[in-house]
């Protein structure tokens, strides 16, 4: 018989909702299937996906809470009388953040209703390539059929299977943002961006926070570090961007256990958690006790219950992500996928939203425009933010060869740091360009206050093919941090030849 819907979206996160609402604009009959499986610790939430509930939104709000704490310290240098010591109350912050998130959940439901998109709160799985079957909380079986289906179920945090007690006693970012009471002394093993972001705001609100890192921080971001030998003298031309972030966090108060990896977690009679780890440098076991252990070991695609193999949707056997082509199409005609669930795509909310909208326009709006995943800006919201757009230095060298790359870089001091006597050692930026007359900008990396706002502004120019000479002709807004980007003629590197202002 005839399928009930023109489009069914499986997953109510950023990409899926954007696709569903865009398709409805074309007068199509659209439905969304969404269900939040509670975390192993029992945390669940409403419609909206990771970003709204346990990602970007609560993270940025709690990051803001930490920034306000730093501002209180600075305020005294600017003449404000602040009673000491200041105290942060987790429950007040958490209540405000959680109430705002719940308002977004409700807002998404209202928007779907206004656009006449049917919402099914069921855990669905494919019974055939056009049919998704699920059961409501009340136990009623629901069957939905559609001509086109979009999978947008995103991912969920992983637990380290090799660490005894990790699942029983640890939490993840799925739980942290919904805690009613303070997590207290916290350990966050493994250094992905969410680990550093959470550790940063926990430190900022006054909690004893430790990050355990086995290798390099912020894997996947710019890690370039070159040493040039001239006349048998070593010149260090560049510290790793990621290392600068962690160096600032250390000076900010976050503790780091470097080249360490956990082996077990045990619950003590006091209800504290005793963590045992291996120190690779000292080749010995060490222990300490914490109130909370938050794992940040990456995310796994949320596909377990979808029954993808039965309908022939191909996935990457290593990552579990769905393989798609440039049009977001899977191996099965009429079945598509967008967002974090897809192989080789950035795990970012704005890309999922844009890809979902463009997919709906191609399906129902006679458009042929594909999503462009190049030069997508992003920011890590650590205490000193790290924003970037375009290629890292390593990727640029790999793509164009080291002889064809020119790098301009400089340290700078934000004006607002001066009176407050704040350390600006890690405020740094670099621009990766093609060599030659045009010197097209391939990537821009910025560590400093409001890095997200700075990079967002420059992202348009880089997307449009901006060149280094054009950037140098741009008049900066004085006195801002972003202005420093337009003055990067001070120091440059070409390949391994270095110009160093001091060793």
Protein backbone atom coordinates (compact mmCIF):
# COMPACT_ATOMS: atom_id res chain seq x y z
CA UNK A 1 0.00 0.00 0.00
CA UNK A 2 0.88 3.69 -0.09
CA UNK A 3 3.39 4.91 2.49
CA UNK A 4 1.90 7.13 5.17
CA UNK A 5 4.53 9.91 5.08
CA UNK A 6 6.65 11.61 2.44
CA UNK A 7 9.52 11.87 4.92
CA UNK A 8 10.28 10.16 8.22
CA UNK A 9 13.17 11.44 10.33
CA UNK A 10 14.58 9.02 12.89
CA UNK A 11 16.23 11.15 15.59
CA UNK A 12 15.09 14.44 17.10
CA UNK A 13 18.42 16.26 17.31
CA UNK A 14 19.66 19.35 15.50
CA UNK A 15 20.08 17.79 12.05
CA UNK A 16 16.93 15.71 12.12
CA UNK A 17 14.65 18.50 13.34
CA UNK A 18 16.09 20.95 10.79
CA UNK A 19 15.46 18.46 7.98
CA UNK A 20 11.91 17.68 9.14
CA UNK A 21 10.89 21.34 9.52
CA UNK A 22 12.42 22.28 6.17
CA UNK A 23 10.58 19.44 4.40
CA UNK A 24 7.30 20.53 6.00
CA UNK A 25 7.80 24.00 4.47
CA UNK A 26 7.29 22.38 1.08
CA UNK A 27 3.89 21.07 2.13
CA UNK A 28 5.07 17.50 2.57
CA UNK A 29 3.72 15.05 5.11
CA UNK A 30 6.53 14.62 7.66
CA UNK A 31 7.05 12.66 10.87
CA UNK A 32 9.81 12.51 13.50
CA UNK A 33 10.59 9.46 15.63
CA UNK A 34 12.69 10.21 18.73
CA UNK A 35 13.45 8.42 21.97
CA UNK A 36 16.12 9.12 24.59
CA UNK A 37 17.55 5.97 26.11
CA UNK A 38 18.45 6.85 29.72
CA UNK A 39 22.18 6.88 30.46
CA UNK A 40 23.61 3.99 32.51
CA UNK A 41 23.20 6.30 35.51
CA UNK A 42 19.52 6.91 34.69
CA UNK A 43 19.72 10.42 33.21
CA UNK A 44 17.26 11.26 30.44
CA UNK A 45 15.99 14.42 28.74
CA UNK A 46 13.57 15.78 26.18
CA UNK A 47 13.40 16.54 22.47
CA UNK A 48 16.31 18.38 20.87
CA UNK A 49 19.27 16.02 20.81
CA UNK A 50 22.75 16.24 22.29
CA UNK A 51 23.44 19.93 21.62
CA UNK A 52 20.35 21.21 23.40
CA UNK A 53 20.30 18.79 26.31
CA UNK A 54 23.80 17.53 27.11
CA UNK A 55 26.12 19.43 24.79
CA UNK A 56 26.63 22.93 23.42
CA UNK A 57 23.88 24.77 25.30
CA UNK A 58 24.43 23.66 28.93
CA UNK A 59 28.20 23.56 28.34
CA UNK A 60 28.35 27.19 27.16
CA UNK A 61 26.14 28.34 30.03
CA UNK A 62 28.33 26.63 32.62
CA UNK A 63 31.41 28.00 30.85
CA UNK A 64 29.85 31.44 31.29
CA UNK A 65 29.42 30.76 35.01
CA UNK A 66 33.16 30.09 35.26
CA UNK A 67 34.02 33.23 33.26
CA UNK A 68 31.95 35.28 35.69
CA UNK A 69 34.03 33.86 38.52
CA UNK A 70 37.20 35.05 36.78
CA UNK A 71 35.59 38.45 36.17
CA UNK A 72 34.94 38.80 39.91
CA UNK A 73 38.68 38.43 40.54
CA UNK A 74 39.50 40.97 37.82
CA UNK A 75 36.87 43.39 39.09
CA UNK A 76 38.89 44.25 42.21
CA UNK A 77 41.72 45.57 40.02
CA UNK A 78 39.21 47.82 38.29
CA UNK A 79 37.92 49.37 41.51
CA UNK A 80 35.04 47.09 42.44
CA UNK A 81 34.77 46.09 46.10
CA UNK A 82 34.04 42.36 46.18
CA UNK A 83 33.60 40.61 49.52
CA UNK A 84 36.00 37.70 49.83
CA UNK A 85 35.84 34.80 49.62
CA UNK A 86 33.24 34.46 46.88
CA UNK A 87 31.20 31.25 46.82
CA UNK A 88 29.49 29.40 43.99
CA UNK A 89 26.30 27.37 44.54
CA UNK A 90 26.00 24.54 42.02
CA UNK A 91 22.29 23.91 42.61
CA UNK A 92 21.38 27.49 41.67
CA UNK A 93 23.38 27.36 38.44
CA UNK A 94 22.11 23.88 37.58
CA UNK A 95 18.49 24.85 38.15
CA UNK A 96 18.79 27.86 35.85
CA UNK A 97 20.54 25.90 33.11
CA UNK A 98 18.18 22.93 33.32
CA UNK A 99 15.09 25.15 33.27
CA UNK A 100 16.35 26.84 30.11
CA UNK A 101 17.04 23.49 28.46
CA UNK A 102 13.51 22.30 29.33
CA UNK A 103 12.12 25.45 27.70
CA UNK A 104 13.99 24.52 24.51
CA UNK A 105 12.56 20.98 24.67
CA UNK A 106 9.06 22.45 24.80
CA UNK A 107 9.88 24.93 22.07
CA UNK A 108 10.91 22.16 19.68
CA UNK A 109 7.65 20.30 20.28
CA UNK A 110 5.65 23.46 19.66
CA UNK A 111 7.54 24.16 16.41
CA UNK A 112 6.87 20.65 15.11
CA UNK A 113 3.19 21.06 15.93
CA UNK A 114 3.01 24.46 14.22
CA UNK A 115 4.61 23.04 11.08
CA UNK A 116 2.28 20.01 11.18
CA UNK A 117 5.13 17.55 11.71
CA UNK A 118 3.95 14.43 13.55
CA UNK A 119 6.08 13.56 16.58
CA UNK A 120 6.37 9.96 17.81
CA UNK A 121 8.14 9.47 21.15
CA UNK A 122 9.10 5.85 20.50
CA UNK A 123 12.27 3.78 20.24
CA UNK A 124 12.03 2.83 16.59
CA UNK A 125 13.76 0.19 14.49
CA UNK A 126 13.53 -0.75 10.82
CA UNK A 127 11.36 -3.72 9.91
CA UNK A 128 11.85 -3.07 6.18
CA UNK A 129 13.47 -0.25 4.12
CA UNK A 130 10.27 1.84 4.23
CA UNK A 131 8.98 0.94 7.70
CA UNK A 132 9.96 1.85 11.25
CA UNK A 133 8.29 0.03 14.09
CA UNK A 134 8.36 0.99 17.76
CA UNK A 135 6.57 0.79 21.07
CA UNK A 136 5.33 3.74 23.13
CA UNK A 137 5.94 4.06 26.88
CA UNK A 138 2.40 2.77 27.38
CA UNK A 139 3.30 -0.39 25.44
CA UNK A 140 1.36 0.42 22.29
CA UNK A 141 3.00 -0.73 19.06
CA UNK A 142 3.33 1.99 16.41
CA UNK A 143 4.22 1.42 12.75
CA UNK A 144 5.31 4.31 10.53
CA UNK A 145 5.93 4.04 6.77
CA UNK A 146 7.54 6.66 4.54
CA UNK A 147 8.77 7.18 0.99
CA UNK A 148 12.02 8.74 2.27
CA UNK A 149 13.74 8.16 5.59
CA UNK A 150 16.52 10.23 7.22
CA UNK A 151 18.59 8.73 10.04
CA UNK A 152 19.83 11.41 12.46
CA UNK A 153 20.25 9.63 15.77
CA UNK A 154 23.67 11.11 16.61
CA UNK A 155 25.97 9.52 19.17
CA UNK A 156 26.28 8.80 22.88
CA UNK A 157 29.34 8.89 25.17
CA UNK A 158 31.35 5.69 25.50
CA UNK A 159 32.64 4.04 28.66
CA UNK A 160 36.13 2.47 28.76
CA UNK A 161 35.38 -1.24 28.73
CA UNK A 162 38.89 -2.13 29.94
CA UNK A 163 38.61 -0.16 33.21
CA UNK A 164 37.06 -2.17 36.04
CA UNK A 165 34.21 -0.29 37.73
CA UNK A 166 34.04 2.43 35.08
CA UNK A 167 30.41 1.80 34.14
CA UNK A 168 29.21 1.12 37.67
CA UNK A 169 30.76 4.16 39.31
CA UNK A 170 31.43 6.74 36.60
CA UNK A 171 29.33 9.30 34.76
CA UNK A 172 29.67 11.01 31.37
CA UNK A 173 28.69 14.40 29.97
CA UNK A 174 25.20 12.91 29.57
CA UNK A 175 24.92 13.09 33.36
CA UNK A 176 27.08 16.03 34.42
CA UNK A 177 24.79 18.77 33.12
CA UNK A 178 21.76 17.28 34.89
CA UNK A 179 23.31 16.82 38.34
CA UNK A 180 21.25 18.49 41.06
CA UNK A 181 24.18 18.77 43.46
CA UNK A 182 27.83 19.67 42.98
CA UNK A 183 30.06 16.87 41.62
CA UNK A 184 32.71 17.87 44.17
CA UNK A 185 36.29 16.74 43.62
CA UNK A 186 36.23 15.47 40.04
CA UNK A 187 38.50 13.37 37.83
CA UNK A 188 37.97 13.38 34.08
CA UNK A 189 40.19 10.82 32.33
CA UNK A 190 41.14 11.11 28.62
CA UNK A 191 41.49 14.45 26.88
CA UNK A 192 38.86 15.14 24.25
CA UNK A 193 37.44 18.64 23.90
CA UNK A 194 34.44 17.88 26.16
CA UNK A 195 36.85 16.69 28.86
CA UNK A 196 38.82 19.95 28.83
CA UNK A 197 35.70 22.09 28.55
CA UNK A 198 34.05 20.44 31.54
CA UNK A 199 37.27 20.45 33.56
CA UNK A 200 37.67 24.13 32.75
CA UNK A 201 34.30 25.27 34.04
CA UNK A 202 34.48 22.95 37.07
CA UNK A 203 37.79 24.55 38.02
CA UNK A 204 36.35 27.98 37.30
CA UNK A 205 33.52 27.56 39.78
CA UNK A 206 35.97 26.48 42.48
CA UNK A 207 35.97 22.67 42.35
CA UNK A 208 39.07 20.51 42.75
CA UNK A 209 39.40 19.13 39.21
CA UNK A 210 41.93 16.74 37.66
CA UNK A 211 42.38 15.74 34.03
CA UNK A 212 44.11 12.45 33.25
CA UNK A 213 45.73 12.37 29.81
CA UNK A 214 47.46 9.38 28.29
CA UNK A 215 48.84 11.20 25.23
CA UNK A 216 48.22 14.49 23.39
CA UNK A 217 45.28 16.78 24.22
CA UNK A 218 42.57 17.80 21.73
CA UNK A 219 43.45 15.10 19.22
CA UNK A 220 42.30 16.19 15.75
CA UNK A 221 43.03 19.89 16.29
CA UNK A 222 46.23 21.67 15.28
CA UNK A 223 49.24 19.98 16.87
CA UNK A 224 52.06 21.47 14.75
CA UNK A 225 55.36 21.89 16.55
CA UNK A 226 58.50 22.50 14.52
CA UNK A 227 62.15 22.70 15.45
CA UNK A 228 64.56 24.30 13.00
CA UNK A 229 68.32 23.78 13.16
CA UNK A 230 70.45 26.70 11.99
CA UNK A 231 74.14 26.73 12.69
CA UNK A 232 73.60 23.83 15.07
CA UNK A 233 71.24 25.94 17.24
CA UNK A 234 67.68 24.76 17.89
CA UNK A 235 64.92 27.35 17.51
CA UNK A 236 61.50 26.40 18.82
CA UNK A 237 59.18 28.16 16.38
CA UNK A 238 55.79 26.98 17.58
CA UNK A 239 54.18 25.43 20.61
CA UNK A 240 51.32 23.13 19.99
CA UNK A 241 48.00 24.96 19.93
CA UNK A 242 46.46 22.22 22.02
CA UNK A 243 49.30 22.33 24.54
CA UNK A 244 48.82 26.07 24.99
CA UNK A 245 45.22 25.39 26.01
CA UNK A 246 46.27 22.86 28.65
CA UNK A 247 49.15 25.06 29.86
CA UNK A 248 46.69 27.86 30.55
CA UNK A 249 44.34 25.46 32.31
CA UNK A 250 47.20 24.38 34.60
CA UNK A 251 47.94 27.99 35.51
CA UNK A 252 44.20 28.47 36.00
CA UNK A 253 44.12 25.69 38.61
CA UNK A 254 43.21 22.48 36.78
CA UNK A 255 45.47 19.56 37.73
CA UNK A 256 46.87 17.25 35.04
CA UNK A 257 48.05 13.67 35.38
CA UNK A 258 50.15 13.26 32.25
CA UNK A 259 51.01 9.94 30.61
CA UNK A 260 48.67 8.18 32.99
CA UNK A 261 45.77 5.82 32.30
CA UNK A 262 43.18 4.41 34.72
CA UNK A 263 42.89 0.71 35.48
CA UNK A 264 40.04 0.48 37.99
CA UNK A 265 37.47 2.43 40.01
CA UNK A 266 36.25 1.24 43.40
CA UNK A 267 33.58 2.66 45.69
CA UNK A 268 34.72 3.23 49.26
CA UNK A 269 32.56 2.98 52.39
CA UNK A 270 32.53 6.77 52.47
CA UNK A 271 30.88 6.68 49.00
CA UNK A 272 33.96 8.31 47.51
CA UNK A 273 35.54 6.71 44.43
CA UNK A 274 39.05 5.36 44.63
CA UNK A 275 40.75 5.42 41.23
CA UNK A 276 43.85 3.38 40.43
CA UNK A 277 45.98 4.31 37.45
CA UNK A 278 49.28 3.46 35.80
CA UNK A 279 51.89 6.20 35.59
CA UNK A 280 53.79 5.39 32.38
CA UNK A 281 56.70 7.72 33.13
CA UNK A 282 57.35 6.32 36.60
CA UNK A 283 56.21 2.80 35.68
CA UNK A 284 54.13 2.40 38.82
CA UNK A 285 50.55 2.30 40.05
CA UNK A 286 49.06 5.31 41.84
CA UNK A 287 45.72 5.98 43.54
CA UNK A 288 43.57 8.83 44.78
CA UNK A 289 39.95 9.29 45.79
CA UNK A 290 37.36 11.53 44.13
CA UNK A 291 33.70 12.41 44.54
CA UNK A 292 32.99 12.07 40.81
CA UNK A 293 34.68 10.38 37.84
CA UNK A 294 33.49 11.70 34.48
CA UNK A 295 34.58 9.66 31.47
CA UNK A 296 35.37 11.41 28.19
CA UNK A 297 36.59 8.66 25.89
CA UNK A 298 34.70 9.68 22.75
CA UNK A 299 31.25 8.98 21.39
CA UNK A 300 29.68 5.99 19.65
CA UNK A 301 26.96 6.23 16.97
CA UNK A 302 23.51 5.51 18.39
CA UNK A 303 22.53 2.73 15.97
CA UNK A 304 22.23 -0.37 18.16
CA UNK A 305 18.44 -0.65 18.01
CA UNK A 306 17.91 0.53 14.42
CA UNK A 307 18.37 -2.89 12.76
CA UNK A 308 20.43 -1.34 9.93
CA UNK A 309 22.05 -4.60 8.79
CA UNK A 310 18.67 -6.17 8.05
CA UNK A 311 17.76 -3.44 5.56
CA UNK A 312 21.21 -3.19 3.96
CA UNK A 313 22.44 0.21 5.26
CA UNK A 314 26.23 0.00 5.21
CA UNK A 315 28.31 1.23 8.14
CA UNK A 316 32.01 1.56 8.85
CA UNK A 317 32.94 -1.64 10.69
CA UNK A 318 35.44 0.21 12.91
CA UNK A 319 33.50 3.35 13.86
CA UNK A 320 29.93 2.06 13.44
CA UNK A 321 29.02 5.24 11.57
CA UNK A 322 26.80 5.22 8.49
CA UNK A 323 28.58 5.56 5.14
CA UNK A 324 27.07 8.31 2.98
CA UNK A 325 27.91 10.01 -0.30
CA UNK A 326 28.12 13.74 -1.03
CA UNK A 327 24.30 13.94 -1.09
CA UNK A 328 23.97 12.28 2.37
CA UNK A 329 22.56 9.12 0.67
CA UNK A 330 23.24 5.72 2.25
CA UNK A 331 23.67 2.42 0.43
CA UNK A 332 19.88 2.03 0.34
CA UNK A 333 17.91 4.22 -2.10
CA UNK A 334 15.57 6.66 -0.33
CA UNK A 335 17.39 6.26 3.03
CA UNK A 336 19.68 9.15 4.03
CA UNK A 337 21.72 10.13 7.09
CA UNK A 338 22.94 13.46 8.49
CA UNK A 339 24.92 14.69 11.48
CA UNK A 340 27.20 12.87 13.91
CA UNK A 341 25.91 9.48 12.80
CA UNK A 342 27.63 9.82 9.40
CA UNK A 343 31.18 8.76 8.54
CA UNK A 344 33.72 11.49 7.83
CA UNK A 345 31.55 14.45 8.81
CA UNK A 346 32.42 17.01 11.51
CA UNK A 347 30.54 16.35 14.74
CA UNK A 348 29.14 19.87 14.94
CA UNK A 349 25.59 21.14 15.38
CA UNK A 350 25.69 23.83 12.64
CA UNK A 351 26.90 21.37 9.99
CA UNK A 352 24.13 18.91 10.91
CA UNK A 353 21.50 21.67 10.68
CA UNK A 354 22.79 22.93 7.34
CA UNK A 355 23.08 19.40 5.91
CA UNK A 356 19.55 18.55 7.06
CA UNK A 357 18.03 21.65 5.47
CA UNK A 358 19.88 21.15 2.18
CA UNK A 359 18.82 17.50 2.05
CA UNK A 360 15.15 18.47 2.45
CA UNK A 361 15.55 21.09 -0.29
CA UNK A 362 17.05 18.51 -2.67
CA UNK A 363 14.31 15.98 -1.91
CA UNK A 364 11.34 18.31 -2.16
CA UNK A 365 12.44 21.74 -3.39
CA UNK A 366 14.08 20.98 -6.75
CA UNK A 367 17.48 22.03 -5.41
CA UNK A 368 20.79 20.37 -6.28
CA UNK A 369 22.97 22.19 -3.73
CA UNK A 370 25.21 19.93 -1.64
CA UNK A 371 26.59 20.62 1.81
CA UNK A 372 30.11 22.10 1.73
CA UNK A 373 32.10 20.72 4.66
CA UNK A 374 35.25 22.77 3.96
CA UNK A 375 36.24 25.74 6.12
CA UNK A 376 33.79 25.04 8.92
CA UNK A 377 34.66 27.13 12.01
CA UNK A 378 34.59 25.69 15.52
CA UNK A 379 35.66 26.56 19.05
CA UNK A 380 36.67 24.68 22.18
CA UNK A 381 35.17 26.52 25.17
CA UNK A 382 38.04 26.06 27.59
CA UNK A 383 38.82 28.88 30.08
CA UNK A 384 41.01 30.44 27.38
CA UNK A 385 39.05 29.57 24.24
CA UNK A 386 40.55 27.98 21.14
CA UNK A 387 38.82 28.75 17.84
CA UNK A 388 39.82 27.67 14.36
CA UNK A 389 38.62 27.58 10.77
CA UNK A 390 40.12 25.77 7.81
CA UNK A 391 43.16 23.50 7.81
CA UNK A 392 45.54 22.77 10.63
CA UNK A 393 49.20 23.23 9.75
CA UNK A 394 49.73 19.47 9.54
CA UNK A 395 46.78 19.04 7.16
CA UNK A 396 47.99 21.93 4.99
CA UNK A 397 51.47 20.43 4.71
CA UNK A 398 50.01 17.02 3.93
CA UNK A 399 47.76 18.46 1.21
CA UNK A 400 50.12 20.99 -0.41
CA UNK A 401 53.65 20.05 0.72
CA UNK A 402 55.80 21.90 3.25
CA UNK A 403 57.56 23.98 0.56
CA UNK A 404 54.20 25.46 -0.46
CA UNK A 405 53.07 26.56 3.00
CA UNK A 406 53.75 29.86 4.74
CA UNK A 407 52.76 30.33 8.38
CA UNK A 408 52.34 33.68 10.16
CA UNK A 409 52.06 33.59 13.92
CA UNK A 410 52.30 35.81 16.98
CA UNK A 411 51.66 36.03 20.69
CA UNK A 412 49.60 38.98 21.90
CA UNK A 413 48.20 40.44 25.12
CA UNK A 414 44.50 41.35 25.39
CA UNK A 415 44.10 44.89 26.71
CA UNK A 416 41.65 43.72 29.38
CA UNK A 417 44.38 41.49 30.84
CA UNK A 418 46.70 44.42 31.59
CA UNK A 419 45.08 46.21 34.54
CA UNK A 420 44.01 42.89 36.06
CA UNK A 421 47.60 41.64 35.63
CA UNK A 422 46.41 38.38 34.08
CA UNK A 423 48.89 36.04 32.44
CA UNK A 424 48.70 36.21 28.64
CA UNK A 425 51.47 33.70 27.94
CA UNK A 426 49.14 31.41 26.00
CA UNK A 427 47.28 34.07 23.97
CA UNK A 428 48.43 33.10 20.51
CA UNK A 429 47.33 33.00 16.89
CA UNK A 430 48.59 31.69 13.59
CA UNK A 431 47.54 31.87 9.98
CA UNK A 432 48.35 29.04 7.56
CA UNK A 433 48.71 30.25 3.95
CA UNK A 434 49.73 28.99 0.55
CA UNK A 435 53.07 30.38 -0.56
CA UNK A 436 53.31 32.48 -3.66
CA UNK A 437 51.95 35.83 -4.73
CA UNK A 438 48.30 35.29 -3.79
CA UNK A 439 48.91 33.59 -0.43
CA UNK A 440 45.39 32.27 0.02
CA UNK A 441 44.55 31.62 3.67
CA UNK A 442 44.11 27.90 4.34
CA UNK A 443 43.52 28.05 8.09
CA UNK A 444 43.28 30.44 11.01
CA UNK A 445 43.85 29.42 14.63
CA UNK A 446 43.21 31.68 17.62
CA UNK A 447 43.63 31.17 21.36
CA UNK A 448 42.22 33.92 23.55
CA UNK A 449 39.10 35.53 25.01
CA UNK A 450 35.94 35.15 22.92
CA UNK A 451 37.73 33.00 20.33
CA UNK A 452 34.39 31.79 18.98
CA UNK A 453 33.23 35.32 18.20
CA UNK A 454 36.59 36.21 16.63
CA UNK A 455 36.78 33.14 14.39
CA UNK A 456 33.14 33.41 13.34
CA UNK A 457 33.85 36.85 11.88
CA UNK A 458 36.92 35.77 9.92
CA UNK A 459 35.30 32.50 8.77
CA UNK A 460 33.28 34.31 6.08
CA UNK A 461 36.37 35.83 4.52
CA UNK A 462 38.26 32.54 4.52
CA UNK A 463 35.22 30.76 3.07
CA UNK A 464 35.25 33.33 0.26
CA UNK A 465 38.93 32.74 -0.50
CA UNK A 466 40.56 35.55 1.49
CA UNK A 467 44.30 36.04 1.03
CA UNK A 468 47.04 37.15 3.37
CA UNK A 469 47.54 40.51 1.56
CA UNK A 470 43.80 41.19 1.83
CA UNK A 471 43.92 40.43 5.55
CA UNK A 472 46.80 42.87 6.00
CA UNK A 473 44.76 45.57 4.22
CA UNK A 474 41.82 44.99 6.56
CA UNK A 475 41.47 47.77 9.12
CA UNK A 476 41.15 46.29 12.58
CA UNK A 477 38.83 47.49 15.34
CA UNK A 478 41.03 49.00 18.02
CA UNK A 479 41.68 47.88 20.70
CA UNK A 480 40.35 44.32 20.26
CA UNK A 481 41.90 40.87 20.23
CA UNK A 482 40.55 40.31 16.71
CA UNK A 483 42.55 43.33 15.54
CA UNK A 484 45.74 41.36 16.17
CA UNK A 485 44.82 38.95 13.35
CA UNK A 486 45.14 41.82 10.86
CA UNK A 487 48.71 42.51 12.04
CA UNK A 488 50.25 39.05 11.58
CA UNK A 489 53.12 40.37 9.47
CA UNK A 490 55.25 40.54 12.62
CA UNK A 491 56.50 36.95 12.60
CA UNK A 492 56.38 34.31 9.90
CA UNK A 493 57.64 30.82 9.26
CA UNK A 494 58.22 29.08 5.95
CA UNK A 495 58.69 25.34 6.15
CA UNK A 496 61.28 24.79 8.88
CA UNK A 497 62.95 28.20 8.48
CA UNK A 498 62.20 30.17 11.59
CA UNK A 499 62.12 33.77 12.62
CA UNK A 500 62.06 33.72 16.39
CA UNK A 501 61.62 36.69 18.69
CA UNK A 502 63.56 35.30 21.62
CA UNK A 503 64.51 31.78 22.72
